[in-house]
Every structure is written in structure tokens, then in C-alpha cells.
Amino acid sequence: MNQLTELEVLQSLRDVIDPELGYNIVDLGLIYGVTIKDRQVLVVMTMTTPGCPAANYIEQGARERLLRIDGIKDVQVDVVWSPVWDPSMMSADAKVYFGFA
């Protein structure tokens, strides 16, 4: 297996769509960090709101998507609430899509 990169992890996580917003979690700015050690991946992320009804769905979706990458042994997804998410964290494309730019 080639060395897995953070970019590859983020590209894969773009397949995970927030079901309420209909947009991927990377461009929404929900991913705060990715750590890769050996064949294990840690994703630190947040939700758009603390009471997000899709939180479990999104967290599980991220885990399942990354486990489909050949050679990944384990995935841990940590959901954090600090810093609090806001629309300024979105990618330029997402800001245009949602009318913030």
C-alpha cells in the first residue's frame, strides 16, 4: 500500500453528504483535522449545529467511507464543538452554492 495522504482522505470524505444541506462535509467546513498513523485514521470534525439530527448518520458515513480505502485498518471519528462551526468555514464553492459569496 502506498502512503495514504490527508488529501486522499479529504477527497474520500467529499463523498459524505450532509443530508439536510445536500452538500459534502469537506466543503461545508466540518472537517477540522485528519491524522494518519500506520493504517489508522483519526478525523476530527464538527456539525453545523450541536443538535444536528443527522450527526450519527454523518459520523457513520465518514467512518464507513474511509474504511473502504484499501489498507485502512481503523477509523476514529471525533466530533467536537469547539470551535463552533459557522458559514465562513465553507469552501469558496460551497459559499457560492449557498449564496454567501
N, C-alpha and C. Protein backbone atom coordinates (compact mmCIF):
# COMPACT_ATOMS: atom_id res chain seq x y z
N MET A 1 0.84 -1.18 0.00
CA MET A 1 0.00 0.00 0.00
C MET A 1 0.88 1.24 0.00
N ASN A 2 0.57 2.18 -0.87
CA ASN A 2 1.27 3.45 -0.86
C ASN A 2 0.89 4.22 0.39
N GLN A 3 1.71 5.19 0.73
CA GLN A 3 1.43 6.04 1.89
C GLN A 3 0.15 6.83 1.66
N LEU A 4 -0.82 6.67 2.53
CA LEU A 4 -2.08 7.40 2.45
C LEU A 4 -1.83 8.85 2.85
N THR A 5 -2.41 9.79 2.11
CA THR A 5 -2.22 11.20 2.42
C THR A 5 -3.51 11.83 2.94
N GLU A 6 -3.35 12.96 3.60
CA GLU A 6 -4.51 13.71 4.08
C GLU A 6 -5.40 14.13 2.92
N LEU A 7 -4.79 14.51 1.81
CA LEU A 7 -5.56 14.89 0.63
C LEU A 7 -6.45 13.75 0.15
N GLU A 8 -5.92 12.53 0.14
CA GLU A 8 -6.72 11.37 -0.28
C GLU A 8 -7.88 11.13 0.68
N VAL A 9 -7.64 11.30 1.97
CA VAL A 9 -8.70 11.15 2.96
C VAL A 9 -9.78 12.20 2.73
N LEU A 10 -9.37 13.45 2.54
CA LEU A 10 -10.34 14.52 2.32
C LEU A 10 -11.12 14.30 1.03
N GLN A 11 -10.45 13.84 -0.03
CA GLN A 11 -11.15 13.54 -1.28
C GLN A 11 -12.22 12.48 -1.05
N SER A 12 -11.90 11.46 -0.28
CA SER A 12 -12.87 10.40 0.02
C SER A 12 -14.03 10.94 0.84
N LEU A 13 -13.74 11.81 1.79
CA LEU A 13 -14.79 12.36 2.64
C LEU A 13 -15.74 13.28 1.88
N ARG A 14 -15.33 13.73 0.70
CA ARG A 14 -16.24 14.53 -0.12
C ARG A 14 -17.44 13.70 -0.60
N ASP A 15 -17.33 12.39 -0.50
CA ASP A 15 -18.45 11.52 -0.86
C ASP A 15 -19.53 11.50 0.22
N VAL A 16 -19.22 12.03 1.41
CA VAL A 16 -20.17 12.03 2.52
C VAL A 16 -20.96 13.34 2.46
N ILE A 17 -22.26 13.20 2.28
CA ILE A 17 -23.14 14.35 2.09
C ILE A 17 -23.97 14.60 3.34
N ASP A 18 -24.00 15.84 3.79
CA ASP A 18 -24.90 16.22 4.88
C ASP A 18 -26.32 16.13 4.30
N PRO A 19 -27.16 15.24 4.84
CA PRO A 19 -28.47 15.03 4.22
C PRO A 19 -29.41 16.23 4.33
N GLU A 20 -29.20 17.08 5.30
CA GLU A 20 -30.07 18.25 5.43
C GLU A 20 -29.69 19.35 4.45
N LEU A 21 -28.38 19.51 4.21
CA LEU A 21 -27.91 20.58 3.34
C LEU A 21 -27.63 20.10 1.91
N GLY A 22 -27.49 18.80 1.73
CA GLY A 22 -27.24 18.26 0.40
C GLY A 22 -25.88 18.62 -0.15
N TYR A 23 -24.90 18.79 0.72
CA TYR A 23 -23.56 19.18 0.30
C TYR A 23 -22.54 18.37 1.10
N ASN A 24 -21.34 18.20 0.53
CA ASN A 24 -20.36 17.33 1.19
C ASN A 24 -19.76 17.98 2.43
N ILE A 25 -19.36 17.12 3.37
CA ILE A 25 -18.90 17.59 4.67
C ILE A 25 -17.55 18.30 4.62
N VAL A 26 -16.74 18.03 3.61
CA VAL A 26 -15.44 18.70 3.50
C VAL A 26 -15.65 20.16 3.11
N ASP A 27 -16.40 20.39 2.04
CA ASP A 27 -16.62 21.76 1.57
C ASP A 27 -17.52 22.57 2.50
N LEU A 28 -18.30 21.88 3.31
CA LEU A 28 -19.07 22.60 4.33
C LEU A 28 -18.17 23.12 5.45
N GLY A 29 -16.94 22.61 5.52
CA GLY A 29 -16.01 23.04 6.56
C GLY A 29 -16.17 22.28 7.86
N LEU A 30 -16.76 21.10 7.79
CA LEU A 30 -16.99 20.33 9.00
C LEU A 30 -15.77 19.52 9.45
N ILE A 31 -14.80 19.35 8.58
CA ILE A 31 -13.61 18.57 8.93
C ILE A 31 -12.55 19.51 9.49
N TYR A 32 -12.19 19.31 10.74
CA TYR A 32 -11.20 20.16 11.39
C TYR A 32 -9.79 19.59 11.32
N GLY A 33 -9.68 18.28 11.15
CA GLY A 33 -8.34 17.71 11.07
C GLY A 33 -8.36 16.24 10.73
N VAL A 34 -7.25 15.79 10.13
CA VAL A 34 -7.07 14.39 9.77
C VAL A 34 -5.67 13.98 10.23
N THR A 35 -5.60 12.89 10.97
CA THR A 35 -4.31 12.34 11.38
C THR A 35 -4.24 10.92 10.88
N ILE A 36 -3.12 10.58 10.25
CA ILE A 36 -2.92 9.24 9.72
C ILE A 36 -1.68 8.66 10.39
N LYS A 37 -1.85 7.51 11.03
CA LYS A 37 -0.72 6.85 11.66
C LYS A 37 -0.85 5.36 11.39
N ASP A 38 0.21 4.81 10.81
CA ASP A 38 0.18 3.43 10.36
C ASP A 38 -1.01 3.27 9.41
N ARG A 39 -1.92 2.40 9.72
CA ARG A 39 -3.08 2.21 8.85
C ARG A 39 -4.36 2.66 9.55
N GLN A 40 -4.20 3.62 10.44
CA GLN A 40 -5.34 4.13 11.20
C GLN A 40 -5.53 5.62 10.90
N VAL A 41 -6.79 6.03 10.82
CA VAL A 41 -7.11 7.42 10.51
C VAL A 41 -7.98 7.98 11.63
N LEU A 42 -7.60 9.18 12.08
CA LEU A 42 -8.41 9.93 13.04
C LEU A 42 -8.93 11.16 12.33
N VAL A 43 -10.24 11.34 12.37
CA VAL A 43 -10.88 12.51 11.78
C VAL A 43 -11.50 13.31 12.92
N VAL A 44 -11.14 14.58 13.00
CA VAL A 44 -11.76 15.48 13.96
C VAL A 44 -12.70 16.37 13.16
N MET A 45 -13.95 16.37 13.57
CA MET A 45 -14.95 17.12 12.80
C MET A 45 -16.00 17.70 13.72
N THR A 46 -16.88 18.49 13.15
CA THR A 46 -17.98 19.07 13.88
C THR A 46 -19.25 18.93 13.04
N MET A 47 -20.31 19.48 13.54
CA MET A 47 -21.58 19.54 12.81
C MET A 47 -21.98 21.01 12.70
N THR A 48 -22.93 21.30 11.86
CA THR A 48 -23.34 22.69 11.69
C THR A 48 -24.02 23.25 12.94
N THR A 49 -24.65 22.37 13.72
CA THR A 49 -25.26 22.77 14.99
C THR A 49 -25.09 21.64 15.99
N PRO A 50 -24.99 21.97 17.29
CA PRO A 50 -24.85 20.92 18.30
C PRO A 50 -26.02 19.93 18.31
N GLY A 51 -27.21 20.36 17.96
CA GLY A 51 -28.36 19.47 17.95
C GLY A 51 -28.63 18.83 16.60
N CYS A 52 -27.63 18.78 15.76
CA CYS A 52 -27.82 18.27 14.39
C CYS A 52 -28.45 16.88 14.41
N PRO A 53 -29.65 16.74 13.85
CA PRO A 53 -30.32 15.44 13.86
C PRO A 53 -29.62 14.40 12.98
N ALA A 54 -28.75 14.84 12.08
CA ALA A 54 -28.06 13.90 11.19
C ALA A 54 -26.65 13.56 11.69
N ALA A 55 -26.31 13.96 12.90
CA ALA A 55 -24.94 13.79 13.40
C ALA A 55 -24.48 12.34 13.33
N ASN A 56 -25.27 11.41 13.83
CA ASN A 56 -24.86 10.00 13.81
C ASN A 56 -24.72 9.48 12.38
N TYR A 57 -25.63 9.89 11.52
CA TYR A 57 -25.59 9.49 10.11
C TYR A 57 -24.31 9.98 9.44
N ILE A 58 -23.95 11.23 9.68
CA ILE A 58 -22.76 11.82 9.06
C ILE A 58 -21.50 11.17 9.63
N GLU A 59 -21.45 11.02 10.93
CA GLU A 59 -20.28 10.39 11.57
C GLU A 59 -20.08 8.97 11.05
N GLN A 60 -21.14 8.20 11.00
CA GLN A 60 -21.06 6.83 10.49
C GLN A 60 -20.69 6.81 9.01
N GLY A 61 -21.24 7.74 8.25
CA GLY A 61 -20.91 7.82 6.84
C GLY A 61 -19.44 8.09 6.60
N ALA A 62 -18.86 8.97 7.41
CA ALA A 62 -17.43 9.28 7.29
C ALA A 62 -16.60 8.03 7.61
N ARG A 63 -16.96 7.36 8.68
CA ARG A 63 -16.23 6.16 9.08
C ARG A 63 -16.32 5.08 8.00
N GLU A 64 -17.53 4.82 7.52
CA GLU A 64 -17.72 3.78 6.51
C GLU A 64 -17.00 4.11 5.20
N ARG A 65 -17.03 5.37 4.80
CA ARG A 65 -16.37 5.75 3.54
C ARG A 65 -14.87 5.54 3.63
N LEU A 66 -14.27 5.91 4.75
CA LEU A 66 -12.82 5.76 4.89
C LEU A 66 -12.40 4.30 5.02
N LEU A 67 -13.23 3.50 5.63
CA LEU A 67 -12.90 2.07 5.75
C LEU A 67 -12.92 1.37 4.40
N ARG A 68 -13.51 1.98 3.39
CA ARG A 68 -13.50 1.41 2.04
C ARG A 68 -12.17 1.65 1.32
N ILE A 69 -11.31 2.49 1.88
CA ILE A 69 -9.99 2.73 1.28
C ILE A 69 -9.12 1.51 1.56
N ASP A 70 -8.55 0.96 0.51
CA ASP A 70 -7.71 -0.22 0.64
C ASP A 70 -6.56 0.05 1.61
N GLY A 71 -6.42 -0.83 2.59
CA GLY A 71 -5.31 -0.74 3.53
C GLY A 71 -5.63 -0.04 4.84
N ILE A 72 -6.77 0.64 4.93
CA ILE A 72 -7.13 1.30 6.18
C ILE A 72 -7.60 0.23 7.16
N LYS A 73 -6.99 0.22 8.33
CA LYS A 73 -7.30 -0.78 9.34
C LYS A 73 -8.39 -0.29 10.30
N ASP A 74 -8.34 0.99 10.64
CA ASP A 74 -9.29 1.52 11.62
C ASP A 74 -9.52 2.99 11.36
N VAL A 75 -10.72 3.45 11.68
CA VAL A 75 -11.07 4.86 11.55
C VAL A 75 -11.75 5.29 12.84
N GLN A 76 -11.27 6.40 13.38
CA GLN A 76 -11.91 7.00 14.54
C GLN A 76 -12.39 8.38 14.13
N VAL A 77 -13.65 8.69 14.44
CA VAL A 77 -14.22 9.99 14.14
C VAL A 77 -14.56 10.65 15.47
N ASP A 78 -13.91 11.77 15.75
CA ASP A 78 -14.19 12.53 16.96
C ASP A 78 -14.98 13.78 16.58
N VAL A 79 -16.18 13.90 17.13
CA VAL A 79 -17.00 15.08 16.90
C VAL A 79 -16.74 16.06 18.04
N VAL A 80 -16.35 17.28 17.67
CA VAL A 80 -16.04 18.32 18.66
C VAL A 80 -16.96 19.52 18.41
N TRP A 81 -17.06 20.37 19.42
CA TRP A 81 -17.94 21.53 19.31
C TRP A 81 -17.18 22.85 19.42
N SER A 82 -15.88 22.76 19.47
CA SER A 82 -15.06 23.95 19.54
C SER A 82 -13.91 23.79 18.56
N PRO A 83 -13.72 24.74 17.65
CA PRO A 83 -14.51 25.96 17.53
C PRO A 83 -15.89 25.67 16.95
N VAL A 84 -16.81 26.53 17.27
CA VAL A 84 -18.17 26.40 16.77
C VAL A 84 -18.16 26.66 15.26
N TRP A 85 -18.84 25.80 14.51
CA TRP A 85 -18.90 25.97 13.06
C TRP A 85 -19.71 27.21 12.70
N ASP A 86 -19.28 27.89 11.64
CA ASP A 86 -20.08 28.96 11.05
C ASP A 86 -19.83 28.97 9.55
N PRO A 87 -20.69 29.62 8.79
CA PRO A 87 -20.59 29.57 7.33
C PRO A 87 -19.26 30.05 6.74
N SER A 88 -18.51 30.83 7.49
CA SER A 88 -17.22 31.30 6.97
C SER A 88 -16.23 30.15 6.78
N MET A 89 -16.51 29.00 7.36
CA MET A 89 -15.63 27.83 7.27
C MET A 89 -15.82 27.05 5.98
N MET A 90 -16.84 27.38 5.22
CA MET A 90 -17.13 26.67 3.98
C MET A 90 -16.10 27.02 2.90
N SER A 91 -15.94 26.10 1.95
CA SER A 91 -15.09 26.37 0.79
C SER A 91 -15.73 27.47 -0.05
N ALA A 92 -14.94 28.05 -0.93
CA ALA A 92 -15.47 29.09 -1.83
C ALA A 92 -16.64 28.57 -2.66
N ASP A 93 -16.53 27.34 -3.15
CA ASP A 93 -17.62 26.76 -3.95
C ASP A 93 -18.89 26.61 -3.13
N ALA A 94 -18.76 26.17 -1.90
CA ALA A 94 -19.93 25.99 -1.04
C ALA A 94 -20.56 27.34 -0.71
N LYS A 95 -19.73 28.35 -0.48
CA LYS A 95 -20.27 29.69 -0.19
C LYS A 95 -21.08 30.21 -1.36
N VAL A 96 -20.59 29.97 -2.57
CA VAL A 96 -21.33 30.40 -3.76
C VAL A 96 -22.64 29.61 -3.85
N TYR A 97 -22.56 28.30 -3.65
CA TYR A 97 -23.74 27.43 -3.74
C TYR A 97 -24.85 27.89 -2.77
N PHE A 98 -24.44 28.26 -1.54
CA PHE A 98 -25.42 28.65 -0.53
C PHE A 98 -25.70 30.15 -0.50
N GLY A 99 -25.09 30.91 -1.42
CA GLY A 99 -25.37 32.32 -1.54
C GLY A 99 -24.65 33.20 -0.53
N PHE A 100 -23.52 32.72 0.00
CA PHE A 100 -22.74 33.52 0.95
C PHE A 100 -21.63 34.30 0.26
N ALA A 101 -21.49 34.13 -1.05
CA ALA A 101 -20.43 34.85 -1.76
C ALA A 101 -20.98 35.44 -3.04
